[in-house]
Amino acid sequence: MLAAQDRTNEILEELVGFMASAQKQRNQELAQWRKANPRLANSCREAAEALSRVQAEYLERMTDEITENAEDMAEGEFMLNEFVDRFGPRLAHLNGVIQVLAQLSSAAGSSNH
């Protein structure tokens, strides 16, 4: 049993090492991209900030909708499905775009100053 735990620990250590290495490589690639494209990296930062404001407004509308229709959503599957169909995909896509822009722009401001 101890041998199995030791092997599991070894595998986990290898996995953590691999993941750390992959993350380090990704960070280096992003830094190189930012260095090669400083204006675009700055534009990505500005776009991410603007979309974050849009996201906040969208979340406010979404939470208002939840507050107004919470009882109907709890009682009927149709209303809940309608809500998820209406807000879910857009929120997921918006989050994804913001995340990409933020990754492409992270540290752009600090490397340009």
Protein backbone atom coordinates (compact mmCIF):
# COMPACT_ATOMS: atom_id res chain seq x y z
CA MET A 1 0.00 0.00 0.00
CA LEU A 2 2.87 2.37 0.83
CA ALA A 3 4.49 1.58 -2.51
CA ALA A 4 1.28 2.53 -4.30
CA GLN A 5 1.11 5.83 -2.41
CA ASP A 6 4.76 6.54 -3.21
CA ARG A 7 4.10 5.87 -6.90
CA THR A 8 1.03 8.10 -6.82
CA ASN A 9 3.10 10.87 -5.25
CA GLU A 10 5.78 10.45 -7.92
CA ILE A 11 3.18 10.67 -10.66
CA LEU A 12 1.64 13.77 -9.08
CA GLU A 13 5.07 15.41 -8.79
CA GLU A 14 5.72 14.67 -12.47
CA LEU A 15 2.34 16.08 -13.41
CA VAL A 16 2.90 19.26 -11.40
CA GLY A 17 6.34 19.65 -12.99
CA PHE A 18 4.90 19.19 -16.46
CA MET A 19 2.10 21.67 -15.82
CA ALA A 20 4.52 24.24 -14.37
CA SER A 21 6.80 23.82 -17.37
CA ALA A 22 3.90 24.25 -19.81
CA GLN A 23 2.69 27.34 -17.94
CA LYS A 24 6.20 28.83 -17.95
CA GLN A 25 6.50 28.23 -21.69
CA ARG A 26 3.09 29.81 -22.30
CA ASN A 27 4.05 32.86 -20.22
CA GLN A 28 7.29 33.21 -22.18
CA GLU A 29 5.41 32.99 -25.48
CA LEU A 30 2.93 35.64 -24.33
CA ALA A 31 5.77 37.91 -23.19
CA GLN A 32 7.48 37.53 -26.57
CA TRP A 33 4.22 38.28 -28.36
CA ARG A 34 3.65 41.39 -26.23
CA LYS A 35 7.21 42.57 -26.88
CA ALA A 36 6.76 42.08 -30.64
CA ASN A 37 3.31 43.74 -30.62
CA PRO A 38 3.34 46.49 -27.96
CA ARG A 39 0.67 48.64 -29.60
CA LEU A 40 -1.64 45.68 -30.11
CA ALA A 41 -1.04 44.51 -26.53
CA ASN A 42 -2.02 47.96 -25.29
CA SER A 43 -5.12 47.90 -27.52
CA CYS A 44 -6.01 44.51 -26.05
CA ARG A 45 -5.72 45.98 -22.54
CA GLU A 46 -8.00 48.89 -23.45
CA ALA A 47 -10.49 46.55 -25.11
CA ALA A 48 -10.49 44.21 -22.09
CA GLU A 49 -11.18 47.16 -19.78
CA ALA A 50 -14.02 48.39 -22.01
CA LEU A 51 -15.55 44.92 -22.26
CA SER A 52 -15.27 44.53 -18.49
CA ARG A 53 -17.47 47.60 -18.12
CA VAL A 54 -19.92 46.13 -20.65
CA GLN A 55 -19.84 42.86 -18.70
CA ALA A 56 -20.68 44.68 -15.46
CA GLU A 57 -23.72 46.30 -17.11
CA TYR A 58 -24.75 42.96 -18.57
CA LEU A 59 -24.46 41.28 -15.17
CA GLU A 60 -26.58 44.03 -13.66
CA ARG A 61 -29.33 43.41 -16.23
CA MET A 62 -29.02 39.67 -15.68
CA THR A 63 -29.30 39.94 -11.89
CA ASP A 64 -32.28 42.28 -12.25
CA GLU A 65 -33.93 39.64 -14.43
CA ILE A 66 -33.21 36.97 -11.82
CA THR A 67 -34.64 39.11 -9.02
CA GLU A 68 -37.80 39.88 -11.00
CA ASN A 69 -38.40 36.27 -12.10
CA ALA A 70 -36.85 34.16 -9.34
CA GLU A 71 -40.13 32.64 -8.24
CA ASP A 72 -41.17 31.73 -11.79
CA MET A 73 -37.75 30.23 -12.48
CA ALA A 74 -37.89 28.16 -9.30
CA GLU A 75 -41.38 26.88 -10.08
CA GLY A 76 -41.10 26.23 -13.78
CA GLU A 77 -38.38 24.67 -15.84
CA PHE A 78 -39.46 26.63 -18.92
CA MET A 79 -38.63 30.00 -17.37
CA LEU A 80 -35.27 28.77 -16.10
CA ASN A 81 -34.38 27.30 -19.50
CA GLU A 82 -35.49 30.52 -21.19
CA PHE A 83 -33.25 32.52 -18.85
CA VAL A 84 -30.23 30.27 -19.41
CA ASP A 85 -30.76 30.32 -23.19
CA ARG A 86 -31.04 34.10 -23.14
CA PHE A 87 -28.09 34.95 -20.92
CA GLY A 88 -25.82 31.90 -20.75
CA PRO A 89 -24.16 31.77 -24.18
CA ARG A 90 -23.54 35.51 -24.37
CA LEU A 91 -22.07 35.57 -20.86
CA ALA A 92 -19.81 32.60 -21.63
CA HIS A 93 -18.57 34.13 -24.88
CA LEU A 94 -18.07 37.54 -23.31
CA ASN A 95 -16.05 35.98 -20.49
CA GLY A 96 -13.93 34.09 -23.03
CA VAL A 97 -13.19 37.19 -25.10
CA ILE A 98 -12.30 39.22 -22.01
CA GLN A 99 -10.00 36.44 -20.81
CA VAL A 100 -8.15 36.27 -24.15
CA LEU A 101 -7.76 40.04 -24.33
CA ALA A 102 -6.56 40.18 -20.73
CA GLN A 103 -3.98 37.43 -21.32
CA LEU A 104 -2.66 39.14 -24.43
CA SER A 105 -2.43 42.44 -22.62
CA SER A 106 -1.32 41.44 -19.12
CA ALA A 107 1.76 43.35 -18.08
CA ALA A 108 1.56 45.38 -21.28
CA GLY A 109 1.13 48.54 -19.27
CA SER A 110 4.02 47.77 -16.95
CA SER A 111 6.40 46.85 -19.78
CA ASN A 112 5.58 50.03 -21.70
CA HIS A 113 6.29 52.44 -18.84
